[in-house]
Amino acid sequence: MSFEAIYTQYYHELYGFALLLQKSPAEAEDLVQDAFSRYYVELQKATVFENPRAWLYRVLLNLSSSQIRLKLLHERYTENKSFEATDAPYEPDFLQSEKQQIVFSVLERMEERDKQLLMLYHNGLSYQEMAEVLKMNPASVGKTLVRAIEKLKKLLKMNYHEMFE
C-alpha cells in the first residue's frame, strides 16, 4: 500500500488513540503526525512493513511515553524552581460522562503494560497486533488481557461500586 493509502486508512484511528494517551487534541495531532513522518522516512529507506498498523501504534506509544516523561521532568523542574503551573489540563469532549472519567482515572493508576493493552484492545487491534506493538509473545496476549480486564473491573467495583455493579 502507498503512504497515502495507509495515512487515509489509519489516521482517524491513530488520532483517537493518541487522544486517549495525551488528552489534548493538539498534542494528539502532533504525535500522529510524528508517527506518520517516521513511517514515511522508513518507506523512503525501502523498509518493508508486514503490519503498518501495528508499527504505527508502537511508534505512537513510544512517542507518547517519551512525551509524558518529558512533561514529568518539566513539572519536577518547575516545582523545584517554585513556578506554579497555570495551564489546566484539557478534557476532550468524549470524556464528559462521569463513568468515562472514572474509567480513565482508574486506568491511569494501573500498570503501564495493562493500561496500554486495554487501550489497544479498546481501539480494536488484534491479539497479533497488540503483541507486535507491546513486544509480547502473541500466545500470552489473551491471558494478559483477561487479567488486565479483571484488574480494571476489580478496581472499579472496589472504588466506585455503586456505579459499576
N, C-alpha and C. Protein backbone atom coordinates (compact mmCIF):
# COMPACT_ATOMS: atom_id res chain seq x y z
N MET A 1 0.84 -1.19 0.00
CA MET A 1 0.00 0.00 0.00
C MET A 1 0.88 1.25 0.00
N SER A 2 0.37 2.30 -0.58
CA SER A 2 1.11 3.54 -0.62
C SER A 2 1.00 4.27 0.72
N PHE A 3 1.88 5.23 0.91
CA PHE A 3 1.84 6.05 2.13
C PHE A 3 0.48 6.72 2.26
N GLU A 4 -0.02 7.28 1.18
CA GLU A 4 -1.30 7.99 1.21
C GLU A 4 -2.43 7.07 1.63
N ALA A 5 -2.41 5.84 1.13
CA ALA A 5 -3.47 4.88 1.47
C ALA A 5 -3.40 4.51 2.96
N ILE A 6 -2.20 4.29 3.47
CA ILE A 6 -2.03 3.97 4.90
C ILE A 6 -2.47 5.16 5.75
N TYR A 7 -2.07 6.35 5.36
CA TYR A 7 -2.42 7.57 6.09
C TYR A 7 -3.95 7.72 6.15
N THR A 8 -4.58 7.59 5.00
CA THR A 8 -6.03 7.73 4.93
C THR A 8 -6.73 6.66 5.75
N GLN A 9 -6.25 5.45 5.68
CA GLN A 9 -6.90 4.34 6.36
C GLN A 9 -6.77 4.42 7.88
N TYR A 10 -5.64 4.86 8.39
CA TYR A 10 -5.37 4.76 9.83
C TYR A 10 -5.31 6.08 10.59
N TYR A 11 -5.37 7.21 9.89
CA TYR A 11 -5.20 8.48 10.58
C TYR A 11 -6.19 8.68 11.73
N HIS A 12 -7.48 8.57 11.46
CA HIS A 12 -8.50 8.86 12.48
C HIS A 12 -8.41 7.88 13.65
N GLU A 13 -8.14 6.63 13.34
CA GLU A 13 -8.00 5.61 14.39
C GLU A 13 -6.82 5.95 15.30
N LEU A 14 -5.68 6.31 14.71
CA LEU A 14 -4.50 6.65 15.49
C LEU A 14 -4.71 7.95 16.27
N TYR A 15 -5.41 8.89 15.67
CA TYR A 15 -5.69 10.16 16.37
C TYR A 15 -6.55 9.91 17.61
N GLY A 16 -7.57 9.05 17.48
CA GLY A 16 -8.40 8.71 18.64
C GLY A 16 -7.58 8.05 19.74
N PHE A 17 -6.67 7.18 19.35
CA PHE A 17 -5.81 6.51 20.32
C PHE A 17 -4.87 7.53 20.98
N ALA A 18 -4.34 8.44 20.20
CA ALA A 18 -3.44 9.47 20.75
C ALA A 18 -4.20 10.36 21.73
N LEU A 19 -5.47 10.62 21.48
CA LEU A 19 -6.28 11.40 22.42
C LEU A 19 -6.42 10.67 23.75
N LEU A 20 -6.56 9.36 23.69
CA LEU A 20 -6.62 8.59 24.94
C LEU A 20 -5.32 8.71 25.72
N LEU A 21 -4.22 8.78 25.01
CA LEU A 21 -2.91 8.84 25.65
C LEU A 21 -2.58 10.23 26.17
N GLN A 22 -2.93 11.27 25.43
CA GLN A 22 -2.49 12.63 25.76
C GLN A 22 -3.59 13.54 26.29
N LYS A 23 -4.83 13.32 25.89
CA LYS A 23 -5.98 14.11 26.33
C LYS A 23 -5.95 15.57 25.83
N SER A 24 -5.09 15.86 24.92
CA SER A 24 -5.04 17.19 24.31
C SER A 24 -5.06 17.01 22.80
N PRO A 25 -6.04 17.61 22.12
CA PRO A 25 -6.10 17.47 20.66
C PRO A 25 -4.83 17.91 19.94
N ALA A 26 -4.23 18.98 20.39
CA ALA A 26 -3.02 19.47 19.73
C ALA A 26 -1.86 18.48 19.91
N GLU A 27 -1.69 17.97 21.11
CA GLU A 27 -0.63 17.01 21.36
C GLU A 27 -0.89 15.70 20.63
N ALA A 28 -2.16 15.28 20.59
CA ALA A 28 -2.51 14.06 19.87
C ALA A 28 -2.19 14.21 18.38
N GLU A 29 -2.55 15.35 17.82
CA GLU A 29 -2.26 15.63 16.41
C GLU A 29 -0.76 15.58 16.14
N ASP A 30 0.02 16.19 17.02
CA ASP A 30 1.47 16.19 16.86
C ASP A 30 2.04 14.77 16.90
N LEU A 31 1.55 13.97 17.83
CA LEU A 31 2.02 12.59 17.94
C LEU A 31 1.74 11.79 16.68
N VAL A 32 0.52 11.92 16.18
CA VAL A 32 0.13 11.18 14.97
C VAL A 32 0.98 11.63 13.78
N GLN A 33 1.17 12.93 13.66
CA GLN A 33 1.99 13.43 12.55
C GLN A 33 3.43 12.93 12.67
N ASP A 34 3.95 12.92 13.89
CA ASP A 34 5.31 12.39 14.09
C ASP A 34 5.39 10.91 13.71
N ALA A 35 4.38 10.15 14.10
CA ALA A 35 4.37 8.71 13.78
C ALA A 35 4.35 8.51 12.27
N PHE A 36 3.48 9.26 11.58
CA PHE A 36 3.42 9.12 10.13
C PHE A 36 4.69 9.64 9.45
N SER A 37 5.30 10.65 10.02
CA SER A 37 6.58 11.15 9.46
C SER A 37 7.64 10.07 9.54
N ARG A 38 7.70 9.39 10.66
CA ARG A 38 8.67 8.31 10.82
C ARG A 38 8.37 7.15 9.86
N TYR A 39 7.09 6.88 9.68
CA TYR A 39 6.69 5.84 8.74
C TYR A 39 7.15 6.20 7.32
N TYR A 40 6.94 7.46 6.95
CA TYR A 40 7.33 7.93 5.62
C TYR A 40 8.84 7.80 5.43
N VAL A 41 9.60 8.19 6.45
CA VAL A 41 11.06 8.09 6.37
C VAL A 41 11.48 6.63 6.17
N GLU A 42 10.85 5.73 6.90
CA GLU A 42 11.17 4.31 6.77
C GLU A 42 10.81 3.80 5.37
N LEU A 43 9.71 4.27 4.82
CA LEU A 43 9.34 3.87 3.45
C LEU A 43 10.39 4.35 2.44
N GLN A 44 10.94 5.54 2.67
CA GLN A 44 11.96 6.06 1.78
C GLN A 44 13.23 5.23 1.84
N LYS A 45 13.44 4.56 2.97
CA LYS A 45 14.59 3.67 3.12
C LYS A 45 14.30 2.28 2.56
N ALA A 46 13.13 2.13 1.96
CA ALA A 46 12.67 0.86 1.38
C ALA A 46 12.40 -0.21 2.45
N THR A 47 12.03 0.22 3.64
CA THR A 47 11.65 -0.72 4.69
C THR A 47 10.33 -1.37 4.32
N VAL A 48 10.26 -2.67 4.49
CA VAL A 48 9.03 -3.40 4.20
C VAL A 48 8.32 -3.67 5.52
N PHE A 49 7.05 -3.32 5.59
CA PHE A 49 6.26 -3.48 6.80
C PHE A 49 5.28 -4.63 6.62
N GLU A 50 5.35 -5.61 7.52
CA GLU A 50 4.36 -6.69 7.50
C GLU A 50 3.02 -6.16 7.94
N ASN A 51 3.03 -5.31 8.97
CA ASN A 51 1.79 -4.79 9.53
C ASN A 51 1.99 -3.32 9.87
N PRO A 52 1.72 -2.42 8.90
CA PRO A 52 1.94 -0.99 9.14
C PRO A 52 1.12 -0.45 10.32
N ARG A 53 -0.08 -0.98 10.51
CA ARG A 53 -0.95 -0.53 11.60
C ARG A 53 -0.27 -0.77 12.96
N ALA A 54 0.22 -1.97 13.18
CA ALA A 54 0.88 -2.29 14.44
C ALA A 54 2.15 -1.46 14.60
N TRP A 55 2.90 -1.26 13.53
CA TRP A 55 4.12 -0.47 13.59
C TRP A 55 3.79 0.96 14.01
N LEU A 56 2.75 1.54 13.41
CA LEU A 56 2.35 2.91 13.74
C LEU A 56 1.88 3.02 15.20
N TYR A 57 1.15 2.03 15.67
CA TYR A 57 0.72 2.04 17.08
C TYR A 57 1.93 1.98 18.01
N ARG A 58 2.90 1.14 17.69
CA ARG A 58 4.09 1.03 18.53
C ARG A 58 4.84 2.36 18.58
N VAL A 59 5.01 2.98 17.42
CA VAL A 59 5.70 4.27 17.37
C VAL A 59 4.92 5.31 18.17
N LEU A 60 3.61 5.31 18.01
CA LEU A 60 2.76 6.26 18.74
C LEU A 60 2.87 6.07 20.25
N LEU A 61 2.86 4.83 20.70
CA LEU A 61 3.04 4.56 22.14
C LEU A 61 4.41 5.04 22.63
N ASN A 62 5.43 4.76 21.86
CA ASN A 62 6.78 5.17 22.25
C ASN A 62 6.90 6.70 22.29
N LEU A 63 6.35 7.36 21.29
CA LEU A 63 6.38 8.83 21.27
C LEU A 63 5.61 9.40 22.45
N SER A 64 4.46 8.82 22.74
CA SER A 64 3.65 9.29 23.86
C SER A 64 4.37 9.09 25.18
N SER A 65 4.97 7.93 25.36
CA SER A 65 5.71 7.67 26.60
C SER A 65 6.85 8.67 26.77
N SER A 66 7.55 8.95 25.69
CA SER A 66 8.64 9.93 25.75
C SER A 66 8.11 11.31 26.11
N GLN A 67 7.01 11.68 25.50
CA GLN A 67 6.43 12.99 25.76
C GLN A 67 5.95 13.10 27.21
N ILE A 68 5.35 12.05 27.73
CA ILE A 68 4.89 12.05 29.12
C ILE A 68 6.08 12.17 30.07
N ARG A 69 7.15 11.42 29.78
CA ARG A 69 8.35 11.52 30.62
C ARG A 69 8.92 12.94 30.61
N LEU A 70 8.93 13.56 29.43
CA LEU A 70 9.42 14.94 29.34
C LEU A 70 8.55 15.89 30.14
N LYS A 71 7.25 15.70 30.08
CA LYS A 71 6.33 16.55 30.86
C LYS A 71 6.60 16.40 32.35
N LEU A 72 6.78 15.15 32.80
CA LEU A 72 7.06 14.91 34.21
C LEU A 72 8.36 15.57 34.64
N LEU A 73 9.38 15.45 33.81
CA LEU A 73 10.66 16.09 34.11
C LEU A 73 10.50 17.60 34.17
N HIS A 74 9.74 18.14 33.24
CA HIS A 74 9.50 19.58 33.22
C HIS A 74 8.74 20.02 34.47
N GLU A 75 7.72 19.24 34.86
CA GLU A 75 6.96 19.58 36.07
C GLU A 75 7.85 19.55 37.30
N ARG A 76 8.69 18.53 37.39
CA ARG A 76 9.61 18.45 38.54
C ARG A 76 10.56 19.64 38.56
N TYR A 77 11.03 20.00 37.39
CA TYR A 77 11.95 21.13 37.29
C TYR A 77 11.26 22.41 37.73
N THR A 78 10.05 22.64 37.23
CA THR A 78 9.34 23.87 37.57
C THR A 78 8.95 23.88 39.05
N GLU A 79 8.65 22.71 39.62
CA GLU A 79 8.36 22.66 41.05
C GLU A 79 9.60 23.05 41.85
N ASN A 80 10.73 22.57 41.42
CA ASN A 80 11.98 22.89 42.11
C ASN A 80 12.33 24.36 41.99
N LYS A 81 11.87 24.98 40.93
CA LYS A 81 12.15 26.39 40.71
C LYS A 81 11.04 27.28 41.26
N SER A 82 10.07 26.69 41.98
CA SER A 82 8.97 27.42 42.61
C SER A 82 8.03 28.08 41.62
N PHE A 83 7.94 27.54 40.43
CA PHE A 83 6.98 28.05 39.48
C PHE A 83 5.66 27.32 39.69
N GLU A 84 4.57 28.01 39.44
CA GLU A 84 3.27 27.37 39.55
C GLU A 84 2.76 27.08 38.15
N ALA A 85 2.17 25.91 37.99
CA ALA A 85 1.58 25.56 36.70
C ALA A 85 0.30 26.35 36.53
N THR A 86 0.15 27.01 35.38
CA THR A 86 -1.03 27.82 35.14
C THR A 86 -1.99 27.16 34.16
N ASP A 87 -1.52 26.19 33.42
CA ASP A 87 -2.37 25.54 32.43
C ASP A 87 -3.16 24.42 33.08
N ALA A 88 -4.48 24.49 32.96
CA ALA A 88 -5.32 23.40 33.45
C ALA A 88 -5.37 22.33 32.38
N PRO A 89 -5.41 21.07 32.76
CA PRO A 89 -5.46 20.01 31.75
C PRO A 89 -6.74 20.11 30.93
N TYR A 90 -6.62 19.84 29.67
CA TYR A 90 -7.75 19.89 28.75
C TYR A 90 -8.50 18.57 28.79
N GLU A 91 -9.80 18.62 28.90
CA GLU A 91 -10.63 17.41 28.90
C GLU A 91 -11.37 17.35 27.56
N PRO A 92 -11.05 16.40 26.72
CA PRO A 92 -11.75 16.27 25.44
C PRO A 92 -13.24 16.01 25.64
N ASP A 93 -14.01 16.36 24.65
CA ASP A 93 -15.47 16.22 24.72
C ASP A 93 -15.91 14.80 25.04
N PHE A 94 -15.23 13.79 24.50
CA PHE A 94 -15.69 12.41 24.70
C PHE A 94 -15.49 11.92 26.13
N LEU A 95 -14.81 12.69 26.97
CA LEU A 95 -14.61 12.27 28.36
C LEU A 95 -15.59 12.95 29.31
N GLN A 96 -16.65 13.53 28.77
CA GLN A 96 -17.55 14.30 29.61
C GLN A 96 -18.39 13.45 30.55
N SER A 97 -18.73 12.26 30.17
CA SER A 97 -19.56 11.46 31.06
C SER A 97 -18.77 11.06 32.29
N GLU A 98 -19.43 11.01 33.41
CA GLU A 98 -18.76 10.70 34.67
C GLU A 98 -18.13 9.31 34.66
N LYS A 99 -18.84 8.32 34.11
CA LYS A 99 -18.29 6.96 34.08
C LYS A 99 -17.01 6.90 33.26
N GLN A 100 -16.99 7.56 32.14
CA GLN A 100 -15.78 7.55 31.32
C GLN A 100 -14.63 8.20 32.06
N GLN A 101 -14.88 9.28 32.75
CA GLN A 101 -13.83 9.94 33.51
C GLN A 101 -13.29 9.01 34.59
N ILE A 102 -14.18 8.29 35.24
CA ILE A 102 -13.77 7.37 36.29
C ILE A 102 -12.93 6.25 35.71
N VAL A 103 -13.39 5.67 34.60
CA VAL A 103 -12.64 4.57 33.97
C VAL A 103 -11.24 5.04 33.59
N PHE A 104 -11.13 6.21 32.99
CA PHE A 104 -9.82 6.70 32.59
C PHE A 104 -8.95 7.05 33.79
N SER A 105 -9.55 7.53 34.86
CA SER A 105 -8.73 7.81 36.05
C SER A 105 -8.22 6.51 36.67
N VAL A 106 -9.05 5.47 36.65
CA VAL A 106 -8.61 4.17 37.17
C VAL A 106 -7.53 3.59 36.25
N LEU A 107 -7.70 3.73 34.95
CA LEU A 107 -6.68 3.25 34.01
C LEU A 107 -5.33 3.91 34.28
N GLU A 108 -5.34 5.17 34.62
CA GLU A 108 -4.09 5.89 34.89
C GLU A 108 -3.33 5.30 36.08
N ARG A 109 -4.05 4.66 36.99
CA ARG A 109 -3.40 4.09 38.17
C ARG A 109 -2.93 2.66 37.94
N MET A 110 -3.28 2.09 36.80
CA MET A 110 -2.89 0.71 36.51
C MET A 110 -1.46 0.65 36.00
N GLU A 111 -0.89 -0.56 36.03
CA GLU A 111 0.45 -0.75 35.48
C GLU A 111 0.44 -0.37 34.00
N GLU A 112 1.56 0.16 33.55
CA GLU A 112 1.65 0.69 32.18
C GLU A 112 1.29 -0.34 31.12
N ARG A 113 1.81 -1.55 31.23
CA ARG A 113 1.53 -2.58 30.23
C ARG A 113 0.03 -2.91 30.19
N ASP A 114 -0.60 -3.04 31.37
CA ASP A 114 -2.03 -3.33 31.41
C ASP A 114 -2.83 -2.20 30.78
N LYS A 115 -2.46 -0.98 31.12
CA LYS A 115 -3.16 0.19 30.57
C LYS A 115 -3.03 0.22 29.05
N GLN A 116 -1.83 0.03 28.55
CA GLN A 116 -1.61 0.06 27.11
C GLN A 116 -2.37 -1.06 26.41
N LEU A 117 -2.35 -2.23 27.00
CA LEU A 117 -3.04 -3.38 26.42
C LEU A 117 -4.54 -3.12 26.34
N LEU A 118 -5.11 -2.58 27.41
CA LEU A 118 -6.55 -2.28 27.41
C LEU A 118 -6.90 -1.21 26.38
N MET A 119 -6.05 -0.21 26.24
CA MET A 119 -6.34 0.84 25.26
C MET A 119 -6.20 0.32 23.83
N LEU A 120 -5.22 -0.55 23.59
CA LEU A 120 -5.08 -1.14 22.26
C LEU A 120 -6.28 -2.03 21.94
N TYR A 121 -6.72 -2.80 22.92
CA TYR A 121 -7.89 -3.65 22.75
C TYR A 121 -9.12 -2.79 22.47
N HIS A 122 -9.27 -1.72 23.21
CA HIS A 122 -10.39 -0.79 23.02
C HIS A 122 -10.38 -0.21 21.61
N ASN A 123 -9.18 -0.03 21.05
CA ASN A 123 -9.06 0.52 19.70
C ASN A 123 -9.21 -0.54 18.61
N GLY A 124 -9.45 -1.80 19.00
CA GLY A 124 -9.76 -2.82 18.02
C GLY A 124 -8.58 -3.54 17.40
N LEU A 125 -7.42 -3.46 18.01
CA LEU A 125 -6.28 -4.19 17.46
C LEU A 125 -6.44 -5.68 17.74
N SER A 126 -5.94 -6.48 16.83
CA SER A 126 -5.97 -7.93 17.01
C SER A 126 -4.92 -8.32 18.04
N TYR A 127 -5.02 -9.56 18.54
CA TYR A 127 -4.04 -10.04 19.50
C TYR A 127 -2.64 -9.99 18.90
N GLN A 128 -2.53 -10.36 17.64
CA GLN A 128 -1.23 -10.34 16.95
C GLN A 128 -0.68 -8.92 16.90
N GLU A 129 -1.53 -7.96 16.58
CA GLU A 129 -1.08 -6.57 16.51
C GLU A 129 -0.69 -6.06 17.90
N MET A 130 -1.47 -6.41 18.91
CA MET A 130 -1.13 -5.99 20.28
C MET A 130 0.22 -6.56 20.67
N ALA A 131 0.47 -7.81 20.30
CA ALA A 131 1.76 -8.44 20.61
C ALA A 131 2.90 -7.70 19.92
N GLU A 132 2.70 -7.31 18.68
CA GLU A 132 3.73 -6.57 17.95
C GLU A 132 3.98 -5.20 18.58
N VAL A 133 2.91 -4.50 18.91
CA VAL A 133 3.03 -3.16 19.47
C VAL A 133 3.76 -3.19 20.81
N LEU A 134 3.38 -4.13 21.67
CA LEU A 134 3.93 -4.19 23.02
C LEU A 134 5.12 -5.13 23.15
N LYS A 135 5.54 -5.71 22.03
CA LYS A 135 6.67 -6.64 22.00
C LYS A 135 6.46 -7.78 23.00
N MET A 136 5.30 -8.41 22.89
CA MET A 136 4.94 -9.53 23.75
C MET A 136 4.87 -10.80 22.92
N ASN A 137 4.89 -11.92 23.60
CA ASN A 137 4.65 -13.19 22.95
C ASN A 137 3.16 -13.23 22.56
N PRO A 138 2.83 -13.46 21.30
CA PRO A 138 1.42 -13.47 20.88
C PRO A 138 0.56 -14.46 21.67
N ALA A 139 1.16 -15.55 22.12
CA ALA A 139 0.40 -16.55 22.86
C ALA A 139 -0.02 -16.06 24.25
N SER A 140 0.67 -15.05 24.77
CA SER A 140 0.34 -14.57 26.12
C SER A 140 -0.57 -13.35 26.12
N VAL A 141 -0.90 -12.80 24.96
CA VAL A 141 -1.73 -11.60 24.91
C VAL A 141 -3.11 -11.85 25.50
N GLY A 142 -3.76 -12.93 25.11
CA GLY A 142 -5.11 -13.20 25.58
C GLY A 142 -5.19 -13.30 27.09
N LYS A 143 -4.31 -14.08 27.67
CA LYS A 143 -4.31 -14.27 29.13
C LYS A 143 -3.98 -12.95 29.85
N THR A 144 -3.01 -12.22 29.33
CA THR A 144 -2.63 -10.95 29.94
C THR A 144 -3.76 -9.94 29.83
N LEU A 145 -4.46 -9.94 28.71
CA LEU A 145 -5.59 -9.04 28.51
C LEU A 145 -6.73 -9.37 29.47
N VAL A 146 -7.04 -10.64 29.63
CA VAL A 146 -8.10 -11.05 30.55
C VAL A 146 -7.75 -10.60 31.97
N ARG A 147 -6.50 -10.77 32.35
CA ARG A 147 -6.06 -10.35 33.68
C ARG A 147 -6.18 -8.83 33.85
N ALA A 148 -5.82 -8.10 32.82
CA ALA A 148 -5.92 -6.63 32.87
C ALA A 148 -7.38 -6.19 33.00
N ILE A 149 -8.27 -6.85 32.26
CA ILE A 149 -9.69 -6.53 32.35
C ILE A 149 -10.21 -6.83 33.75
N GLU A 150 -9.80 -7.94 34.32
CA GLU A 150 -10.22 -8.30 35.67
C GLU A 150 -9.70 -7.29 36.69
N LYS A 151 -8.47 -6.85 36.53
CA LYS A 151 -7.91 -5.83 37.44
C LYS A 151 -8.72 -4.54 37.34
N LEU A 152 -9.05 -4.15 36.10
CA LEU A 152 -9.83 -2.93 35.90
C LEU A 152 -11.20 -3.06 36.56
N LYS A 153 -11.87 -4.19 36.33
CA LYS A 153 -13.18 -4.42 36.95
C LYS A 153 -13.09 -4.36 38.47
N LYS A 154 -12.08 -5.00 39.01
CA LYS A 154 -11.91 -5.05 40.47
C LYS A 154 -11.71 -3.64 41.03
N LEU A 155 -10.85 -2.86 40.39
CA LEU A 155 -10.61 -1.50 40.85
C LEU A 155 -11.86 -0.64 40.75
N LEU A 156 -12.60 -0.81 39.67
CA LEU A 156 -13.83 -0.03 39.50
C LEU A 156 -14.86 -0.40 40.57
N LYS A 157 -15.05 -1.68 40.80
CA LYS A 157 -16.03 -2.12 41.80
C LYS A 157 -15.59 -1.73 43.22
N MET A 158 -14.29 -1.83 43.47
CA MET A 158 -13.77 -1.53 44.80
C MET A 158 -13.93 -0.03 45.13
N ASN A 159 -13.67 0.82 44.16
CA ASN A 159 -13.68 2.26 44.41
C ASN A 159 -14.98 2.94 44.04
N TYR A 160 -15.73 2.36 43.13
CA TYR A 160 -16.95 3.02 42.63
C TYR A 160 -18.08 1.99 42.51
N HIS A 161 -18.24 1.18 43.54
CA HIS A 161 -19.16 0.04 43.47
C HIS A 161 -20.57 0.44 43.08
N GLU A 162 -21.04 1.59 43.52
CA GLU A 162 -22.42 1.98 43.22
C GLU A 162 -22.63 2.25 41.72
N MET A 163 -21.58 2.55 40.99
CA MET A 163 -21.72 2.85 39.56
C MET A 163 -21.38 1.67 38.68
N PHE A 164 -20.65 0.69 39.19
CA PHE A 164 -20.15 -0.39 38.35
C PHE A 164 -20.55 -1.77 38.86
N GLU A 165 -21.72 -1.91 39.40
CA GLU A 165 -22.20 -3.21 39.88
C GLU A 165 -22.77 -3.99 38.72
